[in-house]
Amino acid sequence: MGAFAPVTDEELARAREDAAYRHKLLTDNLEFLLAMLNRLRSSKHTTNPVFARQIRDGVQLAVKLADMIQASAENDPPHAA
């Protein structure tokens, strides 16, 4: 798992125009977030209120990302080949 790289303005601009790229960008970021949440959950610090808050915030963000992916798929269905 690599380090997190924030989304650039160029990537955002491309995502606005390219539905497939947008879907990949959202999916990749969701996978990264879920991996980090799993790492936090597995840590010995889960009783620490700061870590617990980070996990809750991360789960809320993951749900939002999943909703965005679903909405994107509904608005831009794959083209039949």
PDB file of N, CA and C in Angstrom:
ATOM      1  N   MET A   1       0.848  -1.165   0.000  1.00  0.00           N
ATOM      2  CA  MET A   1       0.000   0.000   0.000  1.00  0.00           C
ATOM      3  C   MET A   1       0.895   1.229   0.000  1.00  0.00           C
ATOM      4  N   GLY A   2       0.708   2.091  -0.978  1.00  0.00           N
ATOM      5  CA  GLY A   2       1.501   3.297  -1.076  1.00  0.00           C
ATOM      6  C   GLY A   2       0.970   4.386  -0.171  1.00  0.00           C
ATOM      7  N   ALA A   3       1.694   5.483  -0.117  1.00  0.00           N
ATOM      8  CA  ALA A   3       1.278   6.632   0.676  1.00  0.00           C
ATOM      9  C   ALA A   3       0.124   7.337  -0.030  1.00  0.00           C
ATOM     10  N   PHE A   4      -0.685   8.018   0.751  1.00  0.00           N
ATOM     11  CA  PHE A   4      -1.812   8.752   0.185  1.00  0.00           C
ATOM     12  C   PHE A   4      -1.302   9.933  -0.621  1.00  0.00           C
ATOM     13  N   ALA A   5      -1.833  10.092  -1.813  1.00  0.00           N
ATOM     14  CA  ALA A   5      -1.499  11.238  -2.655  1.00  0.00           C
ATOM     15  C   ALA A   5      -2.786  12.020  -2.893  1.00  0.00           C
ATOM     16  N   PRO A   6      -2.858  13.254  -2.409  1.00  0.00           N
ATOM     17  CA  PRO A   6      -4.074  14.044  -2.618  1.00  0.00           C
ATOM     18  C   PRO A   6      -4.410  14.173  -4.105  1.00  0.00           C
ATOM     19  N   VAL A   7      -5.672  14.298  -4.385  1.00  0.00           N
ATOM     20  CA  VAL A   7      -6.143  14.454  -5.766  1.00  0.00           C
ATOM     21  C   VAL A   7      -5.755  15.852  -6.248  1.00  0.00           C
ATOM     22  N   THR A   8      -5.213  15.913  -7.434  1.00  0.00           N
ATOM     23  CA  THR A   8      -4.771  17.196  -7.990  1.00  0.00           C
ATOM     24  C   THR A   8      -5.925  17.887  -8.723  1.00  0.00           C
ATOM     25  N   ASP A   9      -5.740  19.163  -8.996  1.00  0.00           N
ATOM     26  CA  ASP A   9      -6.733  19.916  -9.765  1.00  0.00           C
ATOM     27  C   ASP A   9      -6.920  19.319 -11.156  1.00  0.00           C
ATOM     28  N   GLU A  10      -5.823  18.835 -11.742  1.00  0.00           N
ATOM     29  CA  GLU A  10      -5.902  18.230 -13.073  1.00  0.00           C
ATOM     30  C   GLU A  10      -6.743  16.949 -13.031  1.00  0.00           C
ATOM     31  N   GLU A  11      -6.553  16.155 -11.983  1.00  0.00           N
ATOM     32  CA  GLU A  11      -7.343  14.925 -11.848  1.00  0.00           C
ATOM     33  C   GLU A  11      -8.829  15.252 -11.653  1.00  0.00           C
ATOM     34  N   LEU A  12      -9.105  16.266 -10.856  1.00  0.00           N
ATOM     35  CA  LEU A  12     -10.505  16.673 -10.661  1.00  0.00           C
ATOM     36  C   LEU A  12     -11.134  17.142 -11.967  1.00  0.00           C
ATOM     37  N   ALA A  13     -10.389  17.916 -12.736  1.00  0.00           N
ATOM     38  CA  ALA A  13     -10.905  18.398 -14.020  1.00  0.00           C
ATOM     39  C   ALA A  13     -11.180  17.223 -14.954  1.00  0.00           C
ATOM     40  N   ARG A  14     -10.263  16.275 -14.997  1.00  0.00           N
ATOM     41  CA  ARG A  14     -10.462  15.095 -15.857  1.00  0.00           C
ATOM     42  C   ARG A  14     -11.655  14.274 -15.374  1.00  0.00           C
ATOM     43  N   ALA A  15     -11.798  14.133 -14.063  1.00  0.00           N
ATOM     44  CA  ALA A  15     -12.906  13.353 -13.499  1.00  0.00           C
ATOM     45  C   ALA A  15     -14.256  13.970 -13.838  1.00  0.00           C
ATOM     46  N   ARG A  16     -14.296  15.283 -13.958  1.00  0.00           N
ATOM     47  CA  ARG A  16     -15.557  15.957 -14.322  1.00  0.00           C
ATOM     48  C   ARG A  16     -15.980  15.624 -15.748  1.00  0.00           C
ATOM     49  N   GLU A  17     -15.000  15.354 -16.597  1.00  0.00           N
ATOM     50  CA  GLU A  17     -15.266  15.112 -18.011  1.00  0.00           C
ATOM     51  C   GLU A  17     -15.325  13.631 -18.386  1.00  0.00           C
ATOM     52  N   ASP A  18     -14.650  12.790 -17.642  1.00  0.00           N
ATOM     53  CA  ASP A  18     -14.477  11.387 -18.004  1.00  0.00           C
ATOM     54  C   ASP A  18     -15.089  10.496 -16.919  1.00  0.00           C
ATOM     55  N   ALA A  19     -16.251   9.931 -17.208  1.00  0.00           N
ATOM     56  CA  ALA A  19     -16.983   9.126 -16.221  1.00  0.00           C
ATOM     57  C   ALA A  19     -16.182   7.906 -15.770  1.00  0.00           C
ATOM     58  N   ALA A  20     -15.494   7.263 -16.680  1.00  0.00           N
ATOM     59  CA  ALA A  20     -14.703   6.075 -16.316  1.00  0.00           C
ATOM     60  C   ALA A  20     -13.557   6.458 -15.389  1.00  0.00           C
ATOM     61  N   TYR A  21     -12.911   7.573 -15.674  1.00  0.00           N
ATOM     62  CA  TYR A  21     -11.829   8.044 -14.823  1.00  0.00           C
ATOM     63  C   TYR A  21     -12.363   8.435 -13.442  1.00  0.00           C
ATOM     64  N   ARG A  22     -13.508   9.105 -13.415  1.00  0.00           N
ATOM     65  CA  ARG A  22     -14.138   9.495 -12.156  1.00  0.00           C
ATOM     66  C   ARG A  22     -14.428   8.258 -11.308  1.00  0.00           C
ATOM     67  N   HIS A  23     -14.984   7.232 -11.942  1.00  0.00           N
ATOM     68  CA  HIS A  23     -15.305   5.997 -11.231  1.00  0.00           C
ATOM     69  C   HIS A  23     -14.032   5.358 -10.657  1.00  0.00           C
ATOM     70  N   LYS A  24     -12.969   5.314 -11.453  1.00  0.00           N
ATOM     71  CA  LYS A  24     -11.708   4.731 -10.993  1.00  0.00           C
ATOM     72  C   LYS A  24     -11.114   5.548  -9.858  1.00  0.00           C
ATOM     73  N   LEU A  25     -11.146   6.852  -9.964  1.00  0.00           N
ATOM     74  CA  LEU A  25     -10.606   7.716  -8.929  1.00  0.00           C
ATOM     75  C   LEU A  25     -11.353   7.507  -7.607  1.00  0.00           C
ATOM     76  N   LEU A  26     -12.670   7.477  -7.677  1.00  0.00           N
ATOM     77  CA  LEU A  26     -13.476   7.251  -6.476  1.00  0.00           C
ATOM     78  C   LEU A  26     -13.217   5.866  -5.894  1.00  0.00           C
ATOM     79  N   THR A  27     -13.186   4.866  -6.748  1.00  0.00           N
ATOM     80  CA  THR A  27     -12.970   3.489  -6.292  1.00  0.00           C
ATOM     81  C   THR A  27     -11.593   3.319  -5.666  1.00  0.00           C
ATOM     82  N   ASP A  28     -10.569   3.865  -6.296  1.00  0.00           N
ATOM     83  CA  ASP A  28      -9.211   3.760  -5.750  1.00  0.00           C
ATOM     84  C   ASP A  28      -9.117   4.424  -4.378  1.00  0.00           C
ATOM     85  N   ASN A  29      -9.740   5.589  -4.243  1.00  0.00           N
ATOM     86  CA  ASN A  29      -9.696   6.289  -2.964  1.00  0.00           C
ATOM     87  C   ASN A  29     -10.502   5.562  -1.895  1.00  0.00           C
ATOM     88  N   LEU A  30     -11.610   4.948  -2.271  1.00  0.00           N
ATOM     89  CA  LEU A  30     -12.383   4.164  -1.307  1.00  0.00           C
ATOM     90  C   LEU A  30     -11.572   2.961  -0.831  1.00  0.00           C
ATOM     91  N   GLU A  31     -10.919   2.279  -1.751  1.00  0.00           N
ATOM     92  CA  GLU A  31     -10.091   1.124  -1.375  1.00  0.00           C
ATOM     93  C   GLU A  31      -8.966   1.539  -0.433  1.00  0.00           C
ATOM     94  N   PHE A  32      -8.330   2.674  -0.706  1.00  0.00           N
ATOM     95  CA  PHE A  32      -7.263   3.162   0.154  1.00  0.00           C
ATOM     96  C   PHE A  32      -7.817   3.490   1.540  1.00  0.00           C
ATOM     97  N   LEU A  33      -8.947   4.178   1.585  1.00  0.00           N
ATOM     98  CA  LEU A  33      -9.557   4.539   2.862  1.00  0.00           C
ATOM     99  C   LEU A  33      -9.928   3.303   3.667  1.00  0.00           C
ATOM    100  N   LEU A  34     -10.508   2.311   3.021  1.00  0.00           N
ATOM    101  CA  LEU A  34     -10.881   1.087   3.728  1.00  0.00           C
ATOM    102  C   LEU A  34      -9.647   0.360   4.270  1.00  0.00           C
ATOM    103  N   ALA A  35      -8.568   0.356   3.516  1.00  0.00           N
ATOM    104  CA  ALA A  35      -7.331  -0.276   3.997  1.00  0.00           C
ATOM    105  C   ALA A  35      -6.791   0.455   5.220  1.00  0.00           C
ATOM    106  N   MET A  36      -6.844   1.780   5.197  1.00  0.00           N
ATOM    107  CA  MET A  36      -6.366   2.554   6.338  1.00  0.00           C
ATOM    108  C   MET A  36      -7.274   2.356   7.554  1.00  0.00           C
ATOM    109  N   LEU A  37      -8.574   2.286   7.321  1.00  0.00           N
ATOM    110  CA  LEU A  37      -9.504   2.023   8.427  1.00  0.00           C
ATOM    111  C   LEU A  37      -9.241   0.652   9.034  1.00  0.00           C
ATOM    112  N   ASN A  38      -8.975  -0.309   8.194  1.00  0.00           N
ATOM    113  CA  ASN A  38      -8.675  -1.651   8.688  1.00  0.00           C
ATOM    114  C   ASN A  38      -7.391  -1.650   9.513  1.00  0.00           C
ATOM    115  N   ARG A  39      -6.408  -0.896   9.053  1.00  0.00           N
ATOM    116  CA  ARG A  39      -5.156  -0.790   9.801  1.00  0.00           C
ATOM    117  C   ARG A  39      -5.403  -0.129  11.161  1.00  0.00           C
ATOM    118  N   LEU A  40      -6.190   0.943  11.182  1.00  0.00           N
ATOM    119  CA  LEU A  40      -6.515   1.600  12.452  1.00  0.00           C
ATOM    120  C   LEU A  40      -7.280   0.655  13.379  1.00  0.00           C
ATOM    121  N   ARG A  41      -8.232  -0.053  12.817  1.00  0.00           N
ATOM    122  CA  ARG A  41      -9.060  -0.971  13.600  1.00  0.00           C
ATOM    123  C   ARG A  41      -8.212  -2.068  14.217  1.00  0.00           C
ATOM    124  N   SER A  42      -7.199  -2.504  13.499  1.00  0.00           N
ATOM    125  CA  SER A  42      -6.331  -3.582  13.975  1.00  0.00           C
ATOM    126  C   SER A  42      -5.274  -3.101  14.956  1.00  0.00           C
ATOM    127  N   SER A  43      -5.142  -1.803  15.084  1.00  0.00           N
ATOM    128  CA  SER A  43      -4.096  -1.251  15.941  1.00  0.00           C
ATOM    129  C   SER A  43      -4.427  -1.463  17.415  1.00  0.00           C
ATOM    130  N   LYS A  44      -3.394  -1.422  18.227  1.00  0.00           N
ATOM    131  CA  LYS A  44      -3.581  -1.611  19.669  1.00  0.00           C
ATOM    132  C   LYS A  44      -4.131  -0.354  20.334  1.00  0.00           C
ATOM    133  N   HIS A  45      -4.287   0.718  19.580  1.00  0.00           N
ATOM    134  CA  HIS A  45      -4.735   1.990  20.131  1.00  0.00           C
ATOM    135  C   HIS A  45      -6.240   2.227  19.954  1.00  0.00           C
ATOM    136  N   THR A  46      -6.997   1.203  19.657  1.00  0.00           N
ATOM    137  CA  THR A  46      -8.422   1.408  19.357  1.00  0.00           C
ATOM    138  C   THR A  46      -9.212   1.937  20.542  1.00  0.00           C
ATOM    139  N   THR A  47      -8.690   1.823  21.755  1.00  0.00           N
ATOM    140  CA  THR A  47      -9.396   2.380  22.909  1.00  0.00           C
ATOM    141  C   THR A  47      -9.123   3.872  23.073  1.00  0.00           C
ATOM    142  N   ASN A  48      -8.152   4.383  22.354  1.00  0.00           N
ATOM    143  CA  ASN A  48      -7.826   5.808  22.396  1.00  0.00           C
ATOM    144  C   ASN A  48      -8.964   6.582  21.718  1.00  0.00           C
ATOM    145  N   PRO A  49      -9.539   7.585  22.396  1.00  0.00           N
ATOM    146  CA  PRO A  49     -10.663   8.337  21.820  1.00  0.00           C
ATOM    147  C   PRO A  49     -10.328   9.017  20.484  1.00  0.00           C
ATOM    148  N   VAL A  50      -9.074   9.426  20.300  1.00  0.00           N
ATOM    149  CA  VAL A  50      -8.681  10.064  19.037  1.00  0.00           C
ATOM    150  C   VAL A  50      -8.767   9.056  17.895  1.00  0.00           C
ATOM    151  N   PHE A  51      -8.261   7.854  18.110  1.00  0.00           N
ATOM    152  CA  PHE A  51      -8.325   6.815  17.082  1.00  0.00           C
ATOM    153  C   PHE A  51      -9.774   6.406  16.815  1.00  0.00           C
ATOM    154  N   ALA A  52     -10.568   6.296  17.880  1.00  0.00           N
ATOM    155  CA  ALA A  52     -11.977   5.929  17.713  1.00  0.00           C
ATOM    156  C   ALA A  52     -12.697   6.983  16.871  1.00  0.00           C
ATOM    157  N   ARG A  53     -12.394   8.239  17.104  1.00  0.00           N
ATOM    158  CA  ARG A  53     -13.006   9.326  16.328  1.00  0.00           C
ATOM    159  C   ARG A  53     -12.557   9.256  14.865  1.00  0.00           C
ATOM    160  N   GLN A  54     -11.278   8.982  14.649  1.00  0.00           N
ATOM    161  CA  GLN A  54     -10.772   8.864  13.280  1.00  0.00           C
ATOM    162  C   GLN A  54     -11.453   7.720  12.541  1.00  0.00           C
ATOM    163  N   ILE A  55     -11.674   6.623  13.229  1.00  0.00           N
ATOM    164  CA  ILE A  55     -12.353   5.490  12.602  1.00  0.00           C
ATOM    165  C   ILE A  55     -13.790   5.870  12.250  1.00  0.00           C
ATOM    166  N   ARG A  56     -14.500   6.508  13.178  1.00  0.00           N
ATOM    167  CA  ARG A  56     -15.880   6.939  12.886  1.00  0.00           C
ATOM    168  C   ARG A  56     -15.920   7.903  11.705  1.00  0.00           C
ATOM    169  N   ASP A  57     -15.027   8.890  11.699  1.00  0.00           N
ATOM    170  CA  ASP A  57     -14.976   9.845  10.587  1.00  0.00           C
ATOM    171  C   ASP A  57     -14.655   9.140   9.270  1.00  0.00           C
ATOM    172  N   GLY A  58     -13.721   8.195   9.319  1.00  0.00           N
ATOM    173  CA  GLY A  58     -13.353   7.451   8.117  1.00  0.00           C
ATOM    174  C   GLY A  58     -14.498   6.613   7.584  1.00  0.00           C
ATOM    175  N   VAL A  59     -15.258   6.004   8.489  1.00  0.00           N
ATOM    176  CA  VAL A  59     -16.407   5.199   8.063  1.00  0.00           C
ATOM    177  C   VAL A  59     -17.452   6.096   7.413  1.00  0.00           C
ATOM    178  N   GLN A  60     -17.697   7.265   7.984  1.00  0.00           N
ATOM    179  CA  GLN A  60     -18.658   8.198   7.378  1.00  0.00           C
ATOM    180  C   GLN A  60     -18.196   8.622   5.983  1.00  0.00           C
ATOM    181  N   LEU A  61     -16.912   8.882   5.841  1.00  0.00           N
ATOM    182  CA  LEU A  61     -16.368   9.250   4.532  1.00  0.00           C
ATOM    183  C   LEU A  61     -16.480   8.087   3.551  1.00  0.00           C
ATOM    184  N   ALA A  62     -16.223   6.873   4.020  1.00  0.00           N
ATOM    185  CA  ALA A  62     -16.330   5.698   3.149  1.00  0.00           C
ATOM    186  C   ALA A  62     -17.754   5.535   2.635  1.00  0.00           C
ATOM    187  N   VAL A  63     -18.734   5.774   3.491  1.00  0.00           N
ATOM    188  CA  VAL A  63     -20.137   5.681   3.061  1.00  0.00           C
ATOM    189  C   VAL A  63     -20.429   6.738   2.000  1.00  0.00           C
ATOM    190  N   LYS A  64     -19.926   7.956   2.204  1.00  0.00           N
ATOM    191  CA  LYS A  64     -20.128   9.019   1.208  1.00  0.00           C
ATOM    192  C   LYS A  64     -19.481   8.648  -0.132  1.00  0.00           C
ATOM    193  N   LEU A  65     -18.264   8.115  -0.074  1.00  0.00           N
ATOM    194  CA  LEU A  65     -17.587   7.700  -1.307  1.00  0.00           C
ATOM    195  C   LEU A  65     -18.365   6.589  -2.009  1.00  0.00           C
ATOM    196  N   ALA A  66     -18.850   5.622  -1.235  1.00  0.00           N
ATOM    197  CA  ALA A  66     -19.634   4.531  -1.822  1.00  0.00           C
ATOM    198  C   ALA A  66     -20.904   5.076  -2.475  1.00  0.00           C
ATOM    199  N   ASP A  67     -21.550   6.040  -1.833  1.00  0.00           N
ATOM    200  CA  ASP A  67     -22.741   6.670  -2.416  1.00  0.00           C
ATOM    201  C   ASP A  67     -22.390   7.390  -3.718  1.00  0.00           C
ATOM    202  N   MET A  68     -21.242   8.074  -3.736  1.00  0.00           N
ATOM    203  CA  MET A  68     -20.816   8.780  -4.945  1.00  0.00           C
ATOM    204  C   MET A  68     -20.535   7.793  -6.080  1.00  0.00           C
ATOM    205  N   ILE A  69     -19.909   6.671  -5.741  1.00  0.00           N
ATOM    206  CA  ILE A  69     -19.625   5.646  -6.755  1.00  0.00           C
ATOM    207  C   ILE A  69     -20.925   5.090  -7.314  1.00  0.00           C
ATOM    208  N   GLN A  70     -21.865   4.811  -6.436  1.00  0.00           N
ATOM    209  CA  GLN A  70     -23.156   4.274  -6.880  1.00  0.00           C
ATOM    210  C   GLN A  70     -23.895   5.289  -7.752  1.00  0.00           C
ATOM    211  N   ALA A  71     -23.910   6.548  -7.325  1.00  0.00           N
ATOM    212  CA  ALA A  71     -24.591   7.587  -8.111  1.00  0.00           C
ATOM    213  C   ALA A  71     -23.910   7.766  -9.464  1.00  0.00           C
ATOM    214  N   SER A  72     -22.591   7.700  -9.473  1.00  0.00           N
ATOM    215  CA  SER A  72     -21.852   7.834 -10.723  1.00  0.00           C
ATOM    216  C   SER A  72     -22.192   6.688 -11.671  1.00  0.00           C
ATOM    217  N   ALA A  73     -22.280   5.490 -11.134  1.00  0.00           N
ATOM    218  CA  ALA A  73     -22.609   4.324 -11.961  1.00  0.00           C
ATOM    219  C   ALA A  73     -24.035   4.427 -12.503  1.00  0.00           C
ATOM    220  N   GLU A  74     -24.944   4.973 -11.698  1.00  0.00           N
ATOM    221  CA  GLU A  74     -26.332   5.113 -12.148  1.00  0.00           C
ATOM    222  C   GLU A  74     -26.468   6.205 -13.206  1.00  0.00           C
ATOM    223  N   ASN A  75     -25.688   7.287 -13.065  1.00  0.00           N
ATOM    224  CA  ASN A  75     -25.773   8.398 -14.015  1.00  0.00           C
ATOM    225  C   ASN A  75     -24.990   8.153 -15.294  1.00  0.00           C
ATOM    226  N   ASP A  76     -23.950   7.360 -15.206  1.00  0.00           N
ATOM    227  CA  ASP A  76     -23.090   7.071 -16.342  1.00  0.00           C
ATOM    228  C   ASP A  76     -22.924   5.574 -16.495  1.00  0.00           C
ATOM    229  N   PRO A  77     -24.004   4.871 -16.884  1.00  0.00           N
ATOM    230  CA  PRO A  77     -23.883   3.419 -17.010  1.00  0.00           C
ATOM    231  C   PRO A  77     -22.854   3.045 -18.065  1.00  0.00           C
ATOM    232  N   PRO A  78     -22.199   1.896 -17.893  1.00  0.00           N
ATOM    233  CA  PRO A  78     -21.210   1.457 -18.885  1.00  0.00           C
ATOM    234  C   PRO A  78     -21.869   1.287 -20.257  1.00  0.00           C
ATOM    235  N   HIS A  79     -21.123   1.643 -21.263  1.00  0.00           N
ATOM    236  CA  HIS A  79     -21.623   1.500 -22.637  1.00  0.00           C
ATOM    237  C   HIS A  79     -21.470   0.070 -23.097  1.00  0.00           C
ATOM    238  N   ALA A  80     -22.469  -0.414 -23.793  1.00  0.00           N
ATOM    239  CA  ALA A  80     -22.413  -1.778 -24.320  1.00  0.00           C
ATOM    240  C   ALA A  80     -21.375  -1.836 -25.435  1.00  0.00           C
ATOM    241  N   ALA A  81     -20.580  -2.871 -25.414  1.00  0.00           N
ATOM    242  CA  ALA A  81     -19.535  -2.998 -26.450  1.00  0.00           C
ATOM    243  C   ALA A  81     -20.036  -3.850 -27.583  1.00  0.00           C
TER     244      ALA A  81
END
